[in-house]
Amino acid sequence: MEDTAVSSGDTARGRATPVHLWVVGLLATLWDAFGAYDYIMTRTENVDYLRKMMPNVDPAVTLAWVDSISVIPSAGWALGVWGGLVGSLLLLLRSRHSVAAYLLSAVGAIVSFAFQFFGPNRPPAELADPVMPVVIIAVTIGLFLYARAMRQKGVLA
């Protein structure tokens, strides 16, 4: 089945850009922009934001745990968030470099969550929900695989 293209003139390496690239790129950018927003709100210790996002958790507990995270999972978190946002923007620009950015994002997310759930400094019970980290890792790996497939098809230049 052929991909539906925006136009035959909209190309990267002579291939038409499929409509699904724009859909995936926009949704991924929204997803990653929220991740960046969450990262900034948490790192700037925005108590009101934390209270709204996790109404059953004391923001002081969250901030104390975030402040105690060592450099490796902290760097993984940052790499996961910012690599994902850069990857999404590069995907919208039809750049092959989105693949590398998404790979860095996936590695960062995996490192961050591996330390969170298996490392010495585990989160308090009220912060230890495994569902969202699994969703984040699945989305991140999915975006990497999607971008890699688009590069292999010649859609990304």
Protein backbone atom coordinates (compact mmCIF):
# COMPACT_ATOMS: atom_id res chain seq x y z
CA MET A 1 0.00 0.00 0.00
CA GLU A 2 1.40 3.37 -0.98
CA ASP A 3 1.66 6.23 1.50
CA THR A 4 -0.58 9.20 0.86
CA ALA A 5 1.64 12.19 0.14
CA VAL A 6 1.00 15.84 0.82
CA SER A 7 2.20 16.70 -2.66
CA SER A 8 4.64 15.34 -5.18
CA GLY A 9 6.67 18.54 -4.82
CA ASP A 10 7.12 18.12 -1.06
CA THR A 11 10.09 15.78 -1.02
CA ALA A 12 13.17 14.67 0.82
CA ARG A 13 15.57 12.83 -1.49
CA GLY A 14 12.90 12.75 -4.16
CA ARG A 15 10.29 10.90 -2.08
CA ALA A 16 6.93 12.39 -1.26
CA THR A 17 6.30 13.11 2.41
CA PRO A 18 3.54 10.83 3.69
CA VAL A 19 0.67 12.45 5.56
CA HIS A 20 1.27 10.16 8.54
CA LEU A 21 4.68 11.80 9.07
CA TRP A 22 2.97 15.11 9.78
CA VAL A 23 0.42 13.44 12.07
CA VAL A 24 3.07 11.49 14.00
CA GLY A 25 5.39 14.52 14.06
CA LEU A 26 2.73 16.85 15.45
CA LEU A 27 1.49 14.37 18.06
CA ALA A 28 5.07 13.56 19.06
CA THR A 29 5.89 17.25 19.39
CA LEU A 30 2.87 17.79 21.66
CA TRP A 31 3.83 14.73 23.74
CA ASP A 32 7.45 15.82 24.07
CA ALA A 33 6.54 19.47 24.68
CA PHE A 34 4.44 18.35 27.64
CA GLY A 35 7.39 16.29 28.86
CA ALA A 36 9.59 19.38 28.63
CA TYR A 37 6.98 21.45 30.46
CA ASP A 38 6.75 18.82 33.20
CA TYR A 39 10.55 18.71 33.47
CA ILE A 40 10.78 22.51 33.81
CA MET A 41 7.92 22.70 36.33
CA THR A 42 9.48 19.94 38.43
CA ARG A 43 13.04 21.27 38.24
CA THR A 44 11.89 24.79 39.14
CA GLU A 45 10.02 23.29 42.11
CA ASN A 46 6.62 24.59 41.07
CA VAL A 47 4.55 23.33 44.00
CA ASP A 48 1.21 24.41 42.50
CA TYR A 49 1.93 22.42 39.34
CA LEU A 50 2.96 19.33 41.31
CA ARG A 51 -0.13 19.59 43.49
CA LYS A 52 -2.38 19.72 40.40
CA MET A 53 -0.60 16.89 38.59
CA MET A 54 -0.45 14.58 41.62
CA PRO A 55 -3.24 15.65 43.98
CA ASN A 56 -2.72 12.66 46.30
CA VAL A 57 1.01 13.27 46.76
CA ASP A 58 2.62 15.88 48.97
CA PRO A 59 4.78 18.09 46.67
CA ALA A 60 7.45 18.20 49.39
CA VAL A 61 7.83 14.40 49.09
CA THR A 62 8.20 14.68 45.32
CA LEU A 63 10.73 17.49 45.51
CA ALA A 64 12.76 15.79 48.23
CA TRP A 65 13.03 12.66 46.10
CA VAL A 66 13.86 14.60 42.90
CA ASP A 67 16.56 16.53 44.77
CA SER A 68 18.08 13.25 45.98
CA ILE A 69 18.41 11.70 42.50
CA SER A 70 22.03 11.10 41.53
CA VAL A 71 23.63 12.57 38.42
CA ILE A 72 23.20 9.49 36.17
CA PRO A 73 19.40 9.13 36.38
CA SER A 74 19.08 12.91 36.43
CA ALA A 75 21.09 13.17 33.20
CA GLY A 76 19.02 10.31 31.76
CA TRP A 77 15.83 12.19 32.54
CA ALA A 78 17.12 15.35 30.87
CA LEU A 79 18.38 13.41 27.85
CA GLY A 80 15.07 11.59 27.55
CA VAL A 81 13.03 14.77 27.68
CA TRP A 82 15.13 17.10 25.55
CA GLY A 83 16.25 14.40 23.10
CA GLY A 84 12.60 13.57 22.48
CA LEU A 85 11.61 17.18 21.85
CA VAL A 86 14.56 17.74 19.51
CA GLY A 87 13.76 14.46 17.75
CA SER A 88 10.15 15.50 17.20
CA LEU A 89 11.11 18.89 15.82
CA LEU A 90 13.70 17.26 13.54
CA LEU A 91 11.08 14.76 12.39
CA LEU A 92 8.81 17.64 11.37
CA LEU A 93 11.78 19.12 9.49
CA ARG A 94 12.20 15.70 7.82
CA SER A 95 15.75 15.44 9.10
CA ARG A 96 17.50 12.07 9.36
CA HIS A 97 19.04 13.37 12.60
CA SER A 98 15.69 12.77 14.30
CA VAL A 99 16.70 9.10 14.47
CA ALA A 100 19.78 9.89 16.58
CA ALA A 101 17.83 12.30 18.79
CA TYR A 102 15.13 9.69 19.41
CA LEU A 103 17.76 7.06 20.16
CA LEU A 104 19.35 9.35 22.76
CA SER A 105 15.91 10.03 24.18
CA ALA A 106 15.13 6.31 24.47
CA VAL A 107 18.48 5.57 26.12
CA GLY A 108 17.98 8.48 28.52
CA ALA A 109 14.48 7.35 29.47
CA ILE A 110 15.58 3.76 29.99
CA VAL A 111 18.55 4.81 32.14
CA SER A 112 16.41 7.18 34.20
CA PHE A 113 13.65 4.66 34.84
CA ALA A 114 16.07 1.78 35.42
CA PHE A 115 17.67 3.77 38.23
CA GLN A 116 14.24 4.82 39.48
CA PHE A 117 12.95 1.27 39.84
CA PHE A 118 16.10 -0.80 40.35
CA GLY A 119 18.65 1.65 41.75
CA PRO A 120 19.54 2.38 45.34
CA ASN A 121 17.43 5.56 45.59
CA ARG A 122 13.93 4.34 44.80
CA PRO A 123 11.01 6.75 44.97
CA PRO A 124 8.59 6.74 47.89
CA ALA A 125 5.63 4.39 47.45
CA GLU A 126 3.26 7.17 46.38
CA LEU A 127 5.59 8.02 43.46
CA ALA A 128 6.39 4.45 42.39
CA ASP A 129 3.63 3.91 39.79
CA PRO A 130 5.18 1.75 37.03
CA VAL A 131 2.52 2.41 34.37
CA MET A 132 3.60 5.83 33.11
CA PRO A 133 7.30 4.95 32.84
CA VAL A 134 6.39 1.90 30.74
CA VAL A 135 4.19 4.08 28.51
CA ILE A 136 6.96 6.67 28.17
CA ILE A 137 9.55 4.05 27.23
CA ALA A 138 7.17 2.41 24.73
CA VAL A 139 6.37 5.75 23.06
CA THR A 140 10.04 6.73 22.97
CA ILE A 141 11.13 3.44 21.39
CA GLY A 142 8.17 3.62 19.00
CA LEU A 143 9.19 7.08 17.83
CA PHE A 144 12.77 5.93 17.32
CA LEU A 145 11.59 2.94 15.24
CA TYR A 146 9.22 5.16 13.24
CA ALA A 147 11.91 7.73 12.46
CA ARG A 148 14.36 4.97 11.52
CA ALA A 149 11.79 3.45 9.15
CA MET A 150 11.15 6.85 7.56
CA ARG A 151 14.90 7.32 7.09
CA GLN A 152 15.22 3.87 5.52
CA LYS A 153 12.37 4.68 3.11
CA GLY A 154 14.15 7.87 2.08
CA VAL A 155 11.53 10.20 3.55
CA LEU A 156 14.06 11.85 5.88
CA ALA A 157 17.07 13.61 4.40
